[in-house]
PDB file of N, CA and C in Angstrom:
ATOM      1  N   GLN A   1      94.300 114.575  92.821  1.00  0.00           N
ATOM      2  CA  GLN A   1      93.374 115.319  93.630  1.00  0.00           C
ATOM      3  C   GLN A   1      92.549 116.002  92.539  1.00  0.00           C
ATOM      4  N   VAL A   2      91.004 116.430  92.669  1.00  0.00           N
ATOM      5  CA  VAL A   2      90.414 116.924  91.426  1.00  0.00           C
ATOM      6  C   VAL A   2      89.450 118.120  92.561  1.00  0.00           C
ATOM      7  N   GLN A   3      89.477 119.119  91.648  1.00  0.00           N
ATOM      8  CA  GLN A   3      88.634 120.341  92.416  1.00  0.00           C
ATOM      9  C   GLN A   3      87.499 120.040  91.550  1.00  0.00           C
ATOM     10  N   LEU A   4      86.029 120.458  91.934  1.00  0.00           N
ATOM     11  CA  LEU A   4      84.964 120.250  91.205  1.00  0.00           C
ATOM     12  C   LEU A   4      84.103 121.641  91.096  1.00  0.00           C
ATOM     13  N   VAL A   5      83.373 121.847  90.357  1.00  0.00           N
ATOM     14  CA  VAL A   5      82.720 123.170  90.333  1.00  0.00           C
ATOM     15  C   VAL A   5      81.675 123.085  89.269  1.00  0.00           C
ATOM     16  N   GLU A   6      80.143 123.368  89.898  1.00  0.00           N
ATOM     17  CA  GLU A   6      79.144 123.134  89.051  1.00  0.00           C
ATOM     18  C   GLU A   6      78.697 124.537  88.608  1.00  0.00           C
ATOM     19  N   PHE A   7      77.977 124.456  87.375  1.00  0.00           N
ATOM     20  CA  PHE A   7      77.520 125.437  86.641  1.00  0.00           C
ATOM     21  C   PHE A   7      76.246 125.135  85.895  1.00  0.00           C
ATOM     22  N   GLY A   8      75.517 126.217  85.678  1.00  0.00           N
ATOM     23  CA  GLY A   8      74.306 125.975  85.146  1.00  0.00           C
ATOM     24  C   GLY A   8      72.781 125.866  85.710  1.00  0.00           C
ATOM     25  N   GLY A   9      73.155 125.794  87.167  1.00  0.00           N
ATOM     26  CA  GLY A   9      71.944 125.943  87.687  1.00  0.00           C
ATOM     27  C   GLY A   9      71.184 127.142  87.708  1.00  0.00           C
ATOM     28  N   GLY A  10      69.805 127.246  87.945  1.00  0.00           N
ATOM     29  CA  GLY A  10      68.780 128.398  87.695  1.00  0.00           C
ATOM     30  C   GLY A  10      67.335 128.209  88.054  1.00  0.00           C
ATOM     31  N   LEU A  11      66.580 129.040  87.547  1.00  0.00           N
ATOM     32  CA  LEU A  11      64.933 128.973  87.536  1.00  0.00           C
ATOM     33  C   LEU A  11      64.596 128.180  86.266  1.00  0.00           C
ATOM     34  N   GLY A  12      63.821 127.652  86.495  1.00  0.00           N
ATOM     35  CA  GLY A  12      63.068 127.140  85.092  1.00  0.00           C
ATOM     36  C   GLY A  12      61.579 126.604  85.553  1.00  0.00           C
ATOM     37  N   GLN A  13      60.906 126.409  84.516  1.00  0.00           N
ATOM     38  CA  GLN A  13      59.336 126.076  84.755  1.00  0.00           C
ATOM     39  C   GLN A  13      59.163 124.791  84.621  1.00  0.00           C
ATOM     40  N   ALA A  14      58.105 123.931  85.136  1.00  0.00           N
ATOM     41  CA  ALA A  14      57.677 122.750  84.803  1.00  0.00           C
ATOM     42  C   ALA A  14      58.090 122.362  83.339  1.00  0.00           C
ATOM     43  N   GLY A  15      58.303 121.189  82.967  1.00  0.00           N
ATOM     44  CA  GLY A  15      58.467 120.921  81.326  1.00  0.00           C
ATOM     45  C   GLY A  15      59.734 121.510  80.873  1.00  0.00           C
ATOM     46  N   ALA A  16      60.486 122.500  81.274  1.00  0.00           N
ATOM     47  CA  ALA A  16      61.710 122.974  80.798  1.00  0.00           C
ATOM     48  C   ALA A  16      62.908 122.085  80.708  1.00  0.00           C
ATOM     49  N   SER A  17      63.956 122.514  80.304  1.00  0.00           N
ATOM     50  CA  SER A  17      64.920 121.815  80.338  1.00  0.00           C
ATOM     51  C   SER A  17      66.174 122.491  80.685  1.00  0.00           C
ATOM     52  N   LEU A  18      67.535 121.996  81.545  1.00  0.00           N
ATOM     53  CA  LEU A  18      68.444 122.903  81.973  1.00  0.00           C
ATOM     54  C   LEU A  18      69.522 121.795  81.542  1.00  0.00           C
ATOM     55  N   ARG A  19      70.612 122.336  81.478  1.00  0.00           N
ATOM     56  CA  ARG A  19      71.802 121.434  81.475  1.00  0.00           C
ATOM     57  C   ARG A  19      72.960 122.212  82.447  1.00  0.00           C
ATOM     58  N   LEU A  20      73.332 121.283  83.300  1.00  0.00           N
ATOM     59  CA  LEU A  20      74.239 121.557  84.441  1.00  0.00           C
ATOM     60  C   LEU A  20      75.654 121.027  83.919  1.00  0.00           C
ATOM     61  N   SER A  21      76.674 121.700  84.304  1.00  0.00           N
ATOM     62  CA  SER A  21      78.229 121.640  83.716  1.00  0.00           C
ATOM     63  C   SER A  21      78.844 121.420  85.288  1.00  0.00           C
ATOM     64  N   CYS A  22      79.949 120.515  85.270  1.00  0.00           N
ATOM     65  CA  CYS A  22      80.933 120.259  86.285  1.00  0.00           C
ATOM     66  C   CYS A  22      82.050 120.238  85.606  1.00  0.00           C
ATOM     67  N   GLY A  23      82.839 121.282  86.192  1.00  0.00           N
ATOM     68  CA  GLY A  23      84.231 121.437  85.619  1.00  0.00           C
ATOM     69  C   GLY A  23      85.228 120.973  86.578  1.00  0.00           C
ATOM     70  N   ALA A  24      86.179 120.222  86.165  1.00  0.00           N
ATOM     71  CA  ALA A  24      87.091 119.613  87.025  1.00  0.00           C
ATOM     72  C   ALA A  24      88.393 120.292  86.820  1.00  0.00           C
ATOM     73  N   SER A  25      89.372 120.620  87.843  1.00  0.00           N
ATOM     74  CA  SER A  25      90.748 120.767  87.780  1.00  0.00           C
ATOM     75  C   SER A  25      91.587 119.688  88.345  1.00  0.00           C
ATOM     76  N   GLY A  26      92.939 119.697  88.301  1.00  0.00           N
ATOM     77  CA  GLY A  26      93.842 118.750  88.608  1.00  0.00           C
ATOM     78  C   GLY A  26      93.947 117.903  87.487  1.00  0.00           C
ATOM     79  N   ARG A  27      94.804 116.703  88.024  1.00  0.00           N
ATOM     80  CA  ARG A  27      95.413 115.682  86.801  1.00  0.00           C
ATOM     81  C   ARG A  27      94.493 114.823  86.882  1.00  0.00           C
ATOM     82  N   ASP A  28      94.622 113.985  85.551  1.00  0.00           N
ATOM     83  CA  ASP A  28      94.059 112.936  85.347  1.00  0.00           C
ATOM     84  C   ASP A  28      92.599 112.931  85.368  1.00  0.00           C
ATOM     85  N   PHE A  29      91.897 113.589  84.833  1.00  0.00           N
ATOM     86  CA  PHE A  29      90.382 113.441  85.041  1.00  0.00           C
ATOM     87  C   PHE A  29      89.829 112.210  84.385  1.00  0.00           C
ATOM     88  N   SER A  30      90.356 111.948  83.067  1.00  0.00           N
ATOM     89  CA  SER A  30      89.714 110.872  82.626  1.00  0.00           C
ATOM     90  C   SER A  30      89.843 109.613  83.205  1.00  0.00           C
ATOM     91  N   ASN A  31      90.618 109.504  84.610  1.00  0.00           N
ATOM     92  CA  ASN A  31      90.804 108.322  85.336  1.00  0.00           C
ATOM     93  C   ASN A  31      89.476 108.346  86.234  1.00  0.00           C
ATOM     94  N   TYR A  32      88.508 109.427  86.294  1.00  0.00           N
ATOM     95  CA  TYR A  32      87.685 109.496  87.175  1.00  0.00           C
ATOM     96  C   TYR A  32      86.315 108.950  86.804  1.00  0.00           C
ATOM     97  N   ALA A  33      85.595 108.084  87.710  1.00  0.00           N
ATOM     98  CA  ALA A  33      84.280 108.106  87.540  1.00  0.00           C
ATOM     99  C   ALA A  33      83.351 109.177  88.302  1.00  0.00           C
ATOM    100  N   MET A  34      82.342 109.691  87.796  1.00  0.00           N
ATOM    101  CA  MET A  34      81.949 110.771  88.033  1.00  0.00           C
ATOM    102  C   MET A  34      80.400 110.399  88.469  1.00  0.00           C
ATOM    103  N   GLY A  35      79.755 111.297  89.049  1.00  0.00           N
ATOM    104  CA  GLY A  35      78.287 111.146  89.536  1.00  0.00           C
ATOM    105  C   GLY A  35      77.668 112.533  89.876  1.00  0.00           C
ATOM    106  N   TRP A  36      76.256 112.528  89.783  1.00  0.00           N
ATOM    107  CA  TRP A  36      75.492 113.593  90.058  1.00  0.00           C
ATOM    108  C   TRP A  36      74.450 113.021  91.206  1.00  0.00           C
ATOM    109  N   PHE A  37      74.566 113.922  92.377  1.00  0.00           N
ATOM    110  CA  PHE A  37      73.533 113.797  93.274  1.00  0.00           C
ATOM    111  C   PHE A  37      72.928 115.432  93.357  1.00  0.00           C
ATOM    112  N   SER A  38      71.521 114.788  94.086  1.00  0.00           N
ATOM    113  CA  SER A  38      70.836 116.196  94.677  1.00  0.00           C
ATOM    114  C   SER A  38      70.531 116.016  96.065  1.00  0.00           C
ATOM    115  N   ARG A  39      70.006 117.450  96.723  1.00  0.00           N
ATOM    116  CA  ARG A  39      69.537 117.289  97.921  1.00  0.00           C
ATOM    117  C   ARG A  39      68.502 118.362  97.852  1.00  0.00           C
ATOM    118  N   ALA A  40      67.113 117.901  98.219  1.00  0.00           N
ATOM    119  CA  ALA A  40      65.974 118.978  98.164  1.00  0.00           C
ATOM    120  C   ALA A  40      66.044 119.301  99.870  1.00  0.00           C
ATOM    121  N   PRO A  41      65.624 120.548 100.146  1.00  0.00           N
ATOM    122  CA  PRO A  41      65.444 120.636 101.353  1.00  0.00           C
ATOM    123  C   PRO A  41      64.648 119.928 102.309  1.00  0.00           C
ATOM    124  N   GLY A  42      65.425 119.340 103.909  1.00  0.00           N
ATOM    125  CA  GLY A  42      64.674 118.827 104.558  1.00  0.00           C
ATOM    126  C   GLY A  42      64.635 117.236 104.240  1.00  0.00           C
ATOM    127  N   LYS A  43      65.529 116.801 102.920  1.00  0.00           N
ATOM    128  CA  LYS A  43      65.883 115.356 102.342  1.00  0.00           C
ATOM    129  C   LYS A  43      66.848 115.120 102.238  1.00  0.00           C
ATOM    130  N   GLU A  44      67.244 113.814 102.422  1.00  0.00           N
ATOM    131  CA  GLU A  44      68.684 113.346 102.055  1.00  0.00           C
ATOM    132  C   GLU A  44      69.175 113.360 100.790  1.00  0.00           C
ATOM    133  N   ARG A  45      70.647 113.542 100.715  1.00  0.00           N
ATOM    134  CA  ARG A  45      71.260 113.400  99.497  1.00  0.00           C
ATOM    135  C   ARG A  45      70.759 112.276  98.439  1.00  0.00           C
ATOM    136  N   GLU A  46      70.462 112.400  97.345  1.00  0.00           N
ATOM    137  CA  GLU A  46      69.686 111.801  96.396  1.00  0.00           C
ATOM    138  C   GLU A  46      70.532 111.195  95.372  1.00  0.00           C
ATOM    139  N   PHE A  47      70.936 110.145  94.814  1.00  0.00           N
ATOM    140  CA  PHE A  47      71.640 109.872  93.478  1.00  0.00           C
ATOM    141  C   PHE A  47      70.745 110.088  92.553  1.00  0.00           C
ATOM    142  N   LEU A  48      71.501 110.299  91.571  1.00  0.00           N
ATOM    143  CA  LEU A  48      70.702 111.025  90.177  1.00  0.00           C
ATOM    144  C   LEU A  48      71.398 110.114  88.959  1.00  0.00           C
ATOM    145  N   ALA A  49      72.667 110.154  88.911  1.00  0.00           N
ATOM    146  CA  ALA A  49      73.062 109.660  87.756  1.00  0.00           C
ATOM    147  C   ALA A  49      74.686 109.391  87.666  1.00  0.00           C
ATOM    148  N   ALA A  50      75.464 108.507  87.196  1.00  0.00           N
ATOM    149  CA  ALA A  50      76.957 108.013  87.082  1.00  0.00           C
ATOM    150  C   ALA A  50      77.255 107.815  85.922  1.00  0.00           C
ATOM    151  N   ILE A  51      78.626 107.988  85.647  1.00  0.00           N
ATOM    152  CA  ILE A  51      79.109 107.647  84.325  1.00  0.00           C
ATOM    153  C   ILE A  51      80.881 107.157  84.392  1.00  0.00           C
ATOM    154  N   ASP A  52      81.100 106.338  83.922  1.00  0.00           N
ATOM    155  CA  ASP A  52      82.388 105.531  84.193  1.00  0.00           C
ATOM    156  C   ASP A  52      83.390 106.750  83.341  1.00  0.00           C
ATOM    157  N   TRP A  53      84.612 106.063  83.324  1.00  0.00           N
ATOM    158  CA  TRP A  53      85.951 107.144  82.921  1.00  0.00           C
ATOM    159  C   TRP A  53      85.716 107.592  81.642  1.00  0.00           C
ATOM    160  N   HIS A  54      85.316 106.452  80.929  1.00  0.00           N
ATOM    161  CA  HIS A  54      85.389 106.627  79.362  1.00  0.00           C
ATOM    162  C   HIS A  54      84.129 107.191  78.949  1.00  0.00           C
ATOM    163  N   GLY A  55      82.869 107.382  79.579  1.00  0.00           N
ATOM    164  CA  GLY A  55      81.516 107.608  79.368  1.00  0.00           C
ATOM    165  C   GLY A  55      80.967 106.694  78.488  1.00  0.00           C
ATOM    166  N   SER A  56      81.280 105.480  78.554  1.00  0.00           N
ATOM    167  CA  SER A  56      80.427 104.452  77.739  1.00  0.00           C
ATOM    168  C   SER A  56      79.397 103.627  78.575  1.00  0.00           C
ATOM    169  N   SER A  57      79.394 103.676  79.793  1.00  0.00           N
ATOM    170  CA  SER A  57      78.712 103.196  80.820  1.00  0.00           C
ATOM    171  C   SER A  57      78.082 104.177  81.640  1.00  0.00           C
ATOM    172  N   THR A  58      76.744 104.365  81.715  1.00  0.00           N
ATOM    173  CA  THR A  58      76.011 105.122  82.687  1.00  0.00           C
ATOM    174  C   THR A  58      74.972 104.408  83.473  1.00  0.00           C
ATOM    175  N   ASP A  59      74.547 105.216  84.750  1.00  0.00           N
ATOM    176  CA  ASP A  59      73.225 104.711  85.452  1.00  0.00           C
ATOM    177  C   ASP A  59      72.680 105.663  85.894  1.00  0.00           C
ATOM    178  N   TYR A  60      71.471 105.430  86.376  1.00  0.00           N
ATOM    179  CA  TYR A  60      70.257 106.322  86.393  1.00  0.00           C
ATOM    180  C   TYR A  60      69.482 106.116  87.706  1.00  0.00           C
ATOM    181  N   ALA A  61      69.174 106.768  88.320  1.00  0.00           N
ATOM    182  CA  ALA A  61      67.888 106.616  89.350  1.00  0.00           C
ATOM    183  C   ALA A  61      66.685 106.463  88.618  1.00  0.00           C
ATOM    184  N   ASP A  62      65.936 105.848  89.019  1.00  0.00           N
ATOM    185  CA  ASP A  62      64.433 105.582  88.594  1.00  0.00           C
ATOM    186  C   ASP A  62      63.807 106.731  88.180  1.00  0.00           C
ATOM    187  N   SER A  63      63.910 107.571  89.030  1.00  0.00           N
ATOM    188  CA  SER A  63      63.316 109.037  89.179  1.00  0.00           C
ATOM    189  C   SER A  63      63.570 110.006  87.945  1.00  0.00           C
ATOM    190  N   VAL A  64      64.687 109.720  87.351  1.00  0.00           N
ATOM    191  CA  VAL A  64      65.224 110.719  86.337  1.00  0.00           C
ATOM    192  C   VAL A  64      65.466 110.037  85.075  1.00  0.00           C
ATOM    193  N   LYS A  65      65.151 108.534  84.823  1.00  0.00           N
ATOM    194  CA  LYS A  65      65.837 107.649  83.620  1.00  0.00           C
ATOM    195  C   LYS A  65      64.577 108.264  82.768  1.00  0.00           C
ATOM    196  N   GLY A  66      65.381 108.463  81.851  1.00  0.00           N
ATOM    197  CA  GLY A  66      64.288 108.834  80.408  1.00  0.00           C
ATOM    198  C   GLY A  66      64.239 110.383  80.251  1.00  0.00           C
ATOM    199  N   ARG A  67      64.697 111.081  81.660  1.00  0.00           N
ATOM    200  CA  ARG A  67      64.627 112.398  81.490  1.00  0.00           C
ATOM    201  C   ARG A  67      65.897 113.297  81.703  1.00  0.00           C
ATOM    202  N   PHE A  68      66.702 112.941  82.460  1.00  0.00           N
ATOM    203  CA  PHE A  68      68.135 113.215  82.771  1.00  0.00           C
ATOM    204  C   PHE A  68      69.413 112.383  81.892  1.00  0.00           C
ATOM    205  N   THR A  69      70.209 113.023  81.360  1.00  0.00           N
ATOM    206  CA  THR A  69      71.046 112.261  80.669  1.00  0.00           C
ATOM    207  C   THR A  69      72.431 112.895  81.401  1.00  0.00           C
ATOM    208  N   ILE A  70      73.529 112.026  81.585  1.00  0.00           N
ATOM    209  CA  ILE A  70      74.978 112.276  81.997  1.00  0.00           C
ATOM    210  C   ILE A  70      75.791 111.917  81.011  1.00  0.00           C
ATOM    211  N   SER A  71      76.717 113.009  80.768  1.00  0.00           N
ATOM    212  CA  SER A  71      77.785 112.802  79.609  1.00  0.00           C
ATOM    213  C   SER A  71      78.833 113.408  80.326  1.00  0.00           C
ATOM    214  N   ARG A  72      80.078 113.106  79.594  1.00  0.00           N
ATOM    215  CA  ARG A  72      81.238 113.589  79.879  1.00  0.00           C
ATOM    216  C   ARG A  72      82.305 114.057  78.441  1.00  0.00           C
ATOM    217  N   ASP A  73      83.395 114.889  78.621  1.00  0.00           N
ATOM    218  CA  ASP A  73      83.882 115.522  77.445  1.00  0.00           C
ATOM    219  C   ASP A  73      85.458 115.373  78.490  1.00  0.00           C
ATOM    220  N   ASN A  74      86.181 114.454  78.394  1.00  0.00           N
ATOM    221  CA  ASN A  74      87.471 114.335  78.950  1.00  0.00           C
ATOM    222  C   ASN A  74      88.463 115.289  78.448  1.00  0.00           C
ATOM    223  N   ALA A  75      88.046 115.998  77.073  1.00  0.00           N
ATOM    224  CA  ALA A  75      89.203 116.900  76.693  1.00  0.00           C
ATOM    225  C   ALA A  75      88.843 117.994  77.352  1.00  0.00           C
ATOM    226  N   LYS A  76      87.549 118.234  77.697  1.00  0.00           N
ATOM    227  CA  LYS A  76      87.518 119.532  78.487  1.00  0.00           C
ATOM    228  C   LYS A  76      87.551 119.178  80.152  1.00  0.00           C
ATOM    229  N   ASN A  77      87.639 118.266  80.703  1.00  0.00           N
ATOM    230  CA  ASN A  77      87.532 118.176  81.953  1.00  0.00           C
ATOM    231  C   ASN A  77      86.183 118.375  82.568  1.00  0.00           C
ATOM    232  N   THR A  78      85.187 118.009  81.693  1.00  0.00           N
ATOM    233  CA  THR A  78      83.653 118.321  82.400  1.00  0.00           C
ATOM    234  C   THR A  78      82.981 117.325  81.753  1.00  0.00           C
ATOM    235  N   ILE A  79      81.959 117.290  83.344  1.00  0.00           N
ATOM    236  CA  ILE A  79      80.866 116.294  82.611  1.00  0.00           C
ATOM    237  C   ILE A  79      79.750 117.191  82.828  1.00  0.00           C
ATOM    238  N   TYR A  80      78.517 116.560  82.405  1.00  0.00           N
ATOM    239  CA  TYR A  80      76.983 117.243  81.920  1.00  0.00           C
ATOM    240  C   TYR A  80      76.165 116.598  82.659  1.00  0.00           C
ATOM    241  N   LEU A  81      74.855 117.244  82.900  1.00  0.00           N
ATOM    242  CA  LEU A  81      73.778 116.590  83.503  1.00  0.00           C
ATOM    243  C   LEU A  81      72.752 117.520  82.602  1.00  0.00           C
ATOM    244  N   GLN A  82      72.079 116.785  81.150  1.00  0.00           N
ATOM    245  CA  GLN A  82      70.948 117.502  80.681  1.00  0.00           C
ATOM    246  C   GLN A  82      69.836 116.972  81.254  1.00  0.00           C
ATOM    247  N   MET A  83      68.976 117.983  81.820  1.00  0.00           N
ATOM    248  CA  MET A  83      67.750 117.628  82.518  1.00  0.00           C
ATOM    249  C   MET A  83      66.560 118.282  81.699  1.00  0.00           C
ATOM    250  N   ASN A  84      65.463 117.626  81.112  1.00  0.00           N
ATOM    251  CA  ASN A  84      64.600 117.795  80.501  1.00  0.00           C
ATOM    252  C   ASN A  84      63.209 117.199  81.082  1.00  0.00           C
ATOM    253  N   SER A  85      62.183 117.923  80.793  1.00  0.00           N
ATOM    254  CA  SER A  85      61.013 117.655  81.280  1.00  0.00           C
ATOM    255  C   SER A  85      60.998 117.680  82.889  1.00  0.00           C
ATOM    256  N   LEU A  86      61.622 119.128  83.279  1.00  0.00           N
ATOM    257  CA  LEU A  86      61.866 119.231  84.454  1.00  0.00           C
ATOM    258  C   LEU A  86      60.271 119.308  85.449  1.00  0.00           C
ATOM    259  N   LYS A  87      60.301 118.885  86.783  1.00  0.00           N
ATOM    260  CA  LYS A  87      59.418 118.940  87.711  1.00  0.00           C
ATOM    261  C   LYS A  87      59.336 119.594  88.664  1.00  0.00           C
ATOM    262  N   PRO A  88      58.681 120.074  89.427  1.00  0.00           N
ATOM    263  CA  PRO A  88      58.765 121.166  90.673  1.00  0.00           C
ATOM    264  C   PRO A  88      59.511 120.090  91.559  1.00  0.00           C
ATOM    265  N   GLU A  89      59.255 118.823  91.979  1.00  0.00           N
ATOM    266  CA  GLU A  89      59.898 117.928  92.595  1.00  0.00           C
ATOM    267  C   GLU A  89      61.447 118.036  92.302  1.00  0.00           C
ATOM    268  N   ASP A  90      61.831 118.260  91.258  1.00  0.00           N
ATOM    269  CA  ASP A  90      63.384 118.343  90.905  1.00  0.00           C
ATOM    270  C   ASP A  90      64.132 119.560  91.644  1.00  0.00           C
ATOM    271  N   THR A  91      63.330 120.363  92.113  1.00  0.00           N
ATOM    272  CA  THR A  91      64.125 121.522  92.925  1.00  0.00           C
ATOM    273  C   THR A  91      64.992 121.014  94.167  1.00  0.00           C
ATOM    274  N   ALA A  92      66.157 121.421  94.165  1.00  0.00           N
ATOM    275  CA  ALA A  92      67.434 120.806  94.994  1.00  0.00           C
ATOM    276  C   ALA A  92      68.582 121.543  94.478  1.00  0.00           C
ATOM    277  N   VAL A  93      69.623 121.407  95.488  1.00  0.00           N
ATOM    278  CA  VAL A  93      70.865 121.590  94.970  1.00  0.00           C
ATOM    279  C   VAL A  93      71.512 120.496  94.468  1.00  0.00           C
ATOM    280  N   TYR A  94      71.950 120.663  93.295  1.00  0.00           N
ATOM    281  CA  TYR A  94      72.661 119.527  92.504  1.00  0.00           C
ATOM    282  C   TYR A  94      74.239 119.411  92.546  1.00  0.00           C
ATOM    283  N   TYR A  95      74.853 118.509  92.794  1.00  0.00           N
ATOM    284  CA  TYR A  95      76.160 118.134  93.134  1.00  0.00           C
ATOM    285  C   TYR A  95      76.855 117.286  92.211  1.00  0.00           C
ATOM    286  N   CYS A  96      78.060 117.556  91.654  1.00  0.00           N
ATOM    287  CA  CYS A  96      78.772 116.476  90.895  1.00  0.00           C
ATOM    288  C   CYS A  96      79.841 115.897  92.007  1.00  0.00           C
ATOM    289  N   CYS A  97      80.255 114.689  91.476  1.00  0.00           N
ATOM    290  CA  CYS A  97      81.174 113.822  92.616  1.00  0.00           C
ATOM    291  C   CYS A  97      82.123 112.963  91.839  1.00  0.00           C
ATOM    292  N   ALA A  98      82.986 112.693  92.241  1.00  0.00           N
ATOM    293  CA  ALA A  98      84.091 112.141  91.735  1.00  0.00           C
ATOM    294  C   ALA A  98      84.949 110.969  92.550  1.00  0.00           C
ATOM    295  N   ARG A  99      85.369 110.000  91.858  1.00  0.00           N
ATOM    296  CA  ARG A  99      86.129 109.070  92.186  1.00  0.00           C
ATOM    297  C   ARG A  99      87.241 108.536  91.318  1.00  0.00           C
ATOM    298  N   GLU A 100      88.420 108.281  91.583  1.00  0.00           N
ATOM    299  CA  GLU A 100      89.567 107.861  90.660  1.00  0.00           C
ATOM    300  C   GLU A 100      89.024 106.374  90.447  1.00  0.00           C
ATOM    301  N   ASP A 101      88.882 105.968  89.621  1.00  0.00           N
ATOM    302  CA  ASP A 101      88.415 104.551  89.150  1.00  0.00           C
ATOM    303  C   ASP A 101      88.112 104.167  87.859  1.00  0.00           C
ATOM    304  N   LEU A 102      88.742 103.209  87.352  1.00  0.00           N
ATOM    305  CA  LEU A 102      88.852 102.791  86.170  1.00  0.00           C
ATOM    306  C   LEU A 102      88.085 101.664  85.765  1.00  0.00           C
ATOM    307  N   MET A 103      87.430 101.026  86.807  1.00  0.00           N
ATOM    308  CA  MET A 103      86.876  99.758  86.648  1.00  0.00           C
ATOM    309  C   MET A 103      85.324  99.837  86.866  1.00  0.00           C
ATOM    310  N   ASN A 104      84.846 100.672  87.763  1.00  0.00           N
ATOM    311  CA  ASN A 104      83.511 100.859  87.654  1.00  0.00           C
ATOM    312  C   ASN A 104      82.942 101.959  87.012  1.00  0.00           C
ATOM    313  N   ALA A 105      81.423 102.114  86.893  1.00  0.00           N
ATOM    314  CA  ALA A 105      80.684 103.292  86.415  1.00  0.00           C
ATOM    315  C   ALA A 105      80.107 104.094  87.447  1.00  0.00           C
ATOM    316  N   GLY A 106      81.119 104.357  88.517  1.00  0.00           N
ATOM    317  CA  GLY A 106      80.486 105.311  89.419  1.00  0.00           C
ATOM    318  C   GLY A 106      79.642 104.195  90.442  1.00  0.00           C
ATOM    319  N   SER A 107      78.648 104.946  91.372  1.00  0.00           N
ATOM    320  CA  SER A 107      77.927 104.294  92.298  1.00  0.00           C
ATOM    321  C   SER A 107      76.889 104.844  92.892  1.00  0.00           C
ATOM    322  N   ARG A 108      75.727 104.151  93.198  1.00  0.00           N
ATOM    323  CA  ARG A 108      74.719 104.928  93.828  1.00  0.00           C
ATOM    324  C   ARG A 108      74.890 105.567  95.168  1.00  0.00           C
ATOM    325  N   ASP A 109      76.107 105.001  95.676  1.00  0.00           N
ATOM    326  CA  ASP A 109      76.329 105.068  97.212  1.00  0.00           C
ATOM    327  C   ASP A 109      77.293 106.555  97.238  1.00  0.00           C
ATOM    328  N   PRO A 110      76.830 107.475  97.859  1.00  0.00           N
ATOM    329  CA  PRO A 110      77.427 108.916  98.279  1.00  0.00           C
ATOM    330  C   PRO A 110      78.741 108.608  98.784  1.00  0.00           C
ATOM    331  N   MET A 111      78.864 107.407  99.710  1.00  0.00           N
ATOM    332  CA  MET A 111      80.336 107.180 100.454  1.00  0.00           C
ATOM    333  C   MET A 111      81.406 106.943  99.280  1.00  0.00           C
ATOM    334  N   TYR A 112      81.058 106.280  97.925  1.00  0.00           N
ATOM    335  CA  TYR A 112      81.746 105.736  97.029  1.00  0.00           C
ATOM    336  C   TYR A 112      82.733 106.912  96.730  1.00  0.00           C
ATOM    337  N   TYR A 113      82.301 108.258  96.619  1.00  0.00           N
ATOM    338  CA  TYR A 113      82.993 109.265  95.999  1.00  0.00           C
ATOM    339  C   TYR A 113      83.683 110.128  97.104  1.00  0.00           C
ATOM    340  N   ASN A 114      84.942 110.536  96.693  1.00  0.00           N
ATOM    341  CA  ASN A 114      85.846 111.320  97.666  1.00  0.00           C
ATOM    342  C   ASN A 114      85.861 112.483  97.129  1.00  0.00           C
ATOM    343  N   PHE A 115      85.520 113.226  95.954  1.00  0.00           N
ATOM    344  CA  PHE A 115      85.652 114.483  95.915  1.00  0.00           C
ATOM    345  C   PHE A 115      84.243 115.180  95.439  1.00  0.00           C
ATOM    346  N   TRP A 116      83.721 116.229  95.670  1.00  0.00           N
ATOM    347  CA  TRP A 116      82.483 116.766  95.570  1.00  0.00           C
ATOM    348  C   TRP A 116      82.531 118.477  95.332  1.00  0.00           C
ATOM    349  N   GLY A 117      81.638 118.592  94.388  1.00  0.00           N
ATOM    350  CA  GLY A 117      81.539 120.229  94.092  1.00  0.00           C
ATOM    351  C   GLY A 117      80.877 120.975  95.332  1.00  0.00           C
ATOM    352  N   GLN A 118      80.733 122.097  95.242  1.00  0.00           N
ATOM    353  CA  GLN A 118      80.053 122.747  96.181  1.00  0.00           C
ATOM    354  C   GLN A 118      78.355 123.089  96.079  1.00  0.00           C
ATOM    355  N   GLY A 119      78.006 122.725  94.686  1.00  0.00           N
ATOM    356  CA  GLY A 119      76.691 122.257  94.570  1.00  0.00           C
ATOM    357  C   GLY A 119      76.187 123.746  93.639  1.00  0.00           C
ATOM    358  N   THR A 120      75.050 123.472  93.116  1.00  0.00           N
ATOM    359  CA  THR A 120      74.354 124.381  92.483  1.00  0.00           C
ATOM    360  C   THR A 120      72.895 124.511  92.457  1.00  0.00           C
ATOM    361  N   GLN A 121      72.037 125.578  92.757  1.00  0.00           N
ATOM    362  CA  GLN A 121      70.738 125.460  92.806  1.00  0.00           C
ATOM    363  C   GLN A 121      69.685 125.352  91.665  1.00  0.00           C
ATOM    364  N   VAL A 122      68.875 124.595  91.796  1.00  0.00           N
ATOM    365  CA  VAL A 122      67.965 124.369  90.500  1.00  0.00           C
ATOM    366  C   VAL A 122      66.648 124.171  91.168  1.00  0.00           C
ATOM    367  N   THR A 123      65.812 125.362  90.660  1.00  0.00           N
ATOM    368  CA  THR A 123      64.769 125.808  91.286  1.00  0.00           C
ATOM    369  C   THR A 123      63.435 125.555  89.875  1.00  0.00           C
ATOM    370  N   VAL A 124      62.568 124.793  90.105  1.00  0.00           N
ATOM    371  CA  VAL A 124      61.746 124.448  89.484  1.00  0.00           C
ATOM    372  C   VAL A 124      60.144 124.762  89.590  1.00  0.00           C
ATOM    373  N   SER A 125      59.838 125.660  88.838  1.00  0.00           N
ATOM    374  CA  SER A 125      58.290 126.101  89.418  1.00  0.00           C
ATOM    375  C   SER A 125      57.129 125.466  88.751  1.00  0.00           C
ATOM    376  N   SER A 126      55.999 125.555  89.144  1.00  0.00           N
ATOM    377  CA  SER A 126      54.933 124.829  88.690  1.00  0.00           C
ATOM    378  C   SER A 126      54.056 125.691  87.614  1.00  0.00           C
TER     379      SER A 126
END
């Protein structure tokens, strides 16, 4: 089992950058595929990015491809989401998630993941 805590949310202006971190406690973090999702007010949870256990395979939603980068440091039990060129429509609560899986680079389906953090708020002003 793994517990996840997100850090790094806050306020930013359009065009700015923020980096989110997600720290994991528990055993065998390097066995987990990881993902980032967001939920804006009144909207469904949205897939953003996923990464495999090794960090060698990633997947991105079209809405963030080229602007956001997911990465991980297994030695630090942490994954990151570097967010550049932020837009007001990026305003949401951001969640990291995990599933023990050495075969796949995560998933775009939130039902795939069985561990979630509590979320961190990102607000982008125009």
